[in-house]
Amino acid sequence: MVDCKKEQNKTICNCSYSCGRKGMCCECLHYHRKRGELPACYFPDDAERTYDRSIEYFIETFQKR
């Protein structure tokens, strides 16, 4: 089993939402995958702040840039 580097992960996590998964990337990925979403780290900071984690919004965001 690999040790989670939670504190190290928190320093690079751009998620502005308050949640218990912050810094635990594997839990975050599984949570969003079940919901058909992408985690905050896939989005630029300004797009992340909308809390829209949909794949459609991800595509829309990067088509505009």
C-alpha atoms as a PDB file:
ATOM      1  CA  MET A   1       0.000   0.000   0.000  1.00  0.00           C
ATOM      2  CA  VAL A   2       1.260   3.457  -0.894  1.00  0.00           C
ATOM      3  CA  ASP A   3       1.190   6.173   1.744  1.00  0.00           C
ATOM      4  CA  CYS A   4      -0.922   9.188   0.835  1.00  0.00           C
ATOM      5  CA  LYS A   5       1.069  12.403   0.675  1.00  0.00           C
ATOM      6  CA  LYS A   6      -1.940  14.417   1.810  1.00  0.00           C
ATOM      7  CA  GLU A   7      -0.072  17.464   3.138  1.00  0.00           C
ATOM      8  CA  GLN A   8       2.150  17.634   0.050  1.00  0.00           C
ATOM      9  CA  ASN A   9      -0.901  17.245  -2.219  1.00  0.00           C
ATOM     10  CA  LYS A  10      -2.681  20.101  -0.450  1.00  0.00           C
ATOM     11  CA  THR A  11       0.077  22.501  -1.523  1.00  0.00           C
ATOM     12  CA  ILE A  12      -0.700  21.900  -5.209  1.00  0.00           C
ATOM     13  CA  CYS A  13      -4.478  21.390  -4.956  1.00  0.00           C
ATOM     14  CA  ASN A  14      -6.387  24.320  -6.470  1.00  0.00           C
ATOM     15  CA  CYS A  15      -9.804  23.224  -5.199  1.00  0.00           C
ATOM     16  CA  SER A  16     -11.493  26.133  -3.423  1.00  0.00           C
ATOM     17  CA  TYR A  17     -14.405  24.035  -2.148  1.00  0.00           C
ATOM     18  CA  SER A  18     -14.233  22.964   1.488  1.00  0.00           C
ATOM     19  CA  CYS A  19     -14.355  19.177   1.579  1.00  0.00           C
ATOM     20  CA  GLY A  20     -12.820  16.281   3.492  1.00  0.00           C
ATOM     21  CA  ARG A  21     -11.092  14.872   0.402  1.00  0.00           C
ATOM     22  CA  LYS A  22      -8.686  17.802  -0.094  1.00  0.00           C
ATOM     23  CA  GLY A  23      -5.188  16.411  -0.493  1.00  0.00           C
ATOM     24  CA  MET A  24      -6.416  12.846  -0.951  1.00  0.00           C
ATOM     25  CA  CYS A  25      -6.274  12.690  -4.737  1.00  0.00           C
ATOM     26  CA  CYS A  26      -7.363   9.067  -5.094  1.00  0.00           C
ATOM     27  CA  GLU A  27     -10.545   9.696  -3.061  1.00  0.00           C
ATOM     28  CA  CYS A  28     -11.239  12.904  -4.962  1.00  0.00           C
ATOM     29  CA  LEU A  29     -10.835  11.200  -8.340  1.00  0.00           C
ATOM     30  CA  HIS A  30     -13.143   8.330  -7.354  1.00  0.00           C
ATOM     31  CA  TYR A  31     -15.782  10.735  -5.990  1.00  0.00           C
ATOM     32  CA  HIS A  32     -15.894  12.860  -9.144  1.00  0.00           C
ATOM     33  CA  ARG A  33     -15.674   9.879 -11.488  1.00  0.00           C
ATOM     34  CA  LYS A  34     -18.788   8.342  -9.915  1.00  0.00           C
ATOM     35  CA  ARG A  35     -20.591  11.623 -10.579  1.00  0.00           C
ATOM     36  CA  GLY A  36     -19.425  11.903 -14.196  1.00  0.00           C
ATOM     37  CA  GLU A  37     -17.225  14.870 -13.327  1.00  0.00           C
ATOM     38  CA  LEU A  38     -13.588  15.914 -13.255  1.00  0.00           C
ATOM     39  CA  PRO A  39     -11.796  17.148 -10.120  1.00  0.00           C
ATOM     40  CA  ALA A  40     -10.766  20.783  -9.625  1.00  0.00           C
ATOM     41  CA  CYS A  41      -7.154  20.146 -10.611  1.00  0.00           C
ATOM     42  CA  TYR A  42      -8.239  19.667 -14.235  1.00  0.00           C
ATOM     43  CA  PHE A  43      -9.515  23.255 -14.405  1.00  0.00           C
ATOM     44  CA  PRO A  44      -7.733  26.611 -14.474  1.00  0.00           C
ATOM     45  CA  ASP A  45      -8.287  28.577 -11.265  1.00  0.00           C
ATOM     46  CA  ASP A  46     -10.929  30.929 -12.671  1.00  0.00           C
ATOM     47  CA  ALA A  47     -12.980  28.041 -14.084  1.00  0.00           C
ATOM     48  CA  GLU A  48     -12.544  25.991 -10.902  1.00  0.00           C
ATOM     49  CA  ARG A  49     -14.214  28.703  -8.820  1.00  0.00           C
ATOM     50  CA  THR A  50     -17.513  28.105 -10.656  1.00  0.00           C
ATOM     51  CA  TYR A  51     -17.719  24.644  -9.002  1.00  0.00           C
ATOM     52  CA  ASP A  52     -18.939  23.270 -12.330  1.00  0.00           C
ATOM     53  CA  ARG A  53     -16.992  20.005 -12.581  1.00  0.00           C
ATOM     54  CA  SER A  54     -18.822  18.666 -15.612  1.00  0.00           C
ATOM     55  CA  ILE A  55     -16.924  17.229 -18.548  1.00  0.00           C
ATOM     56  CA  GLU A  56     -18.924  19.521 -20.816  1.00  0.00           C
ATOM     57  CA  TYR A  57     -17.711  22.599 -18.919  1.00  0.00           C
ATOM     58  CA  PHE A  58     -14.132  21.298 -19.063  1.00  0.00           C
ATOM     59  CA  ILE A  59     -14.338  20.981 -22.855  1.00  0.00           C
ATOM     60  CA  GLU A  60     -16.021  24.381 -23.195  1.00  0.00           C
ATOM     61  CA  THR A  61     -13.354  26.017 -21.032  1.00  0.00           C
ATOM     62  CA  PHE A  62     -10.459  24.712 -23.091  1.00  0.00           C
ATOM     63  CA  GLN A  63     -12.086  25.347 -26.448  1.00  0.00           C
ATOM     64  CA  LYS A  64     -12.260  29.048 -25.533  1.00  0.00           C
ATOM     65  CA  ARG A  65      -8.560  29.285 -24.582  1.00  0.00           C
END
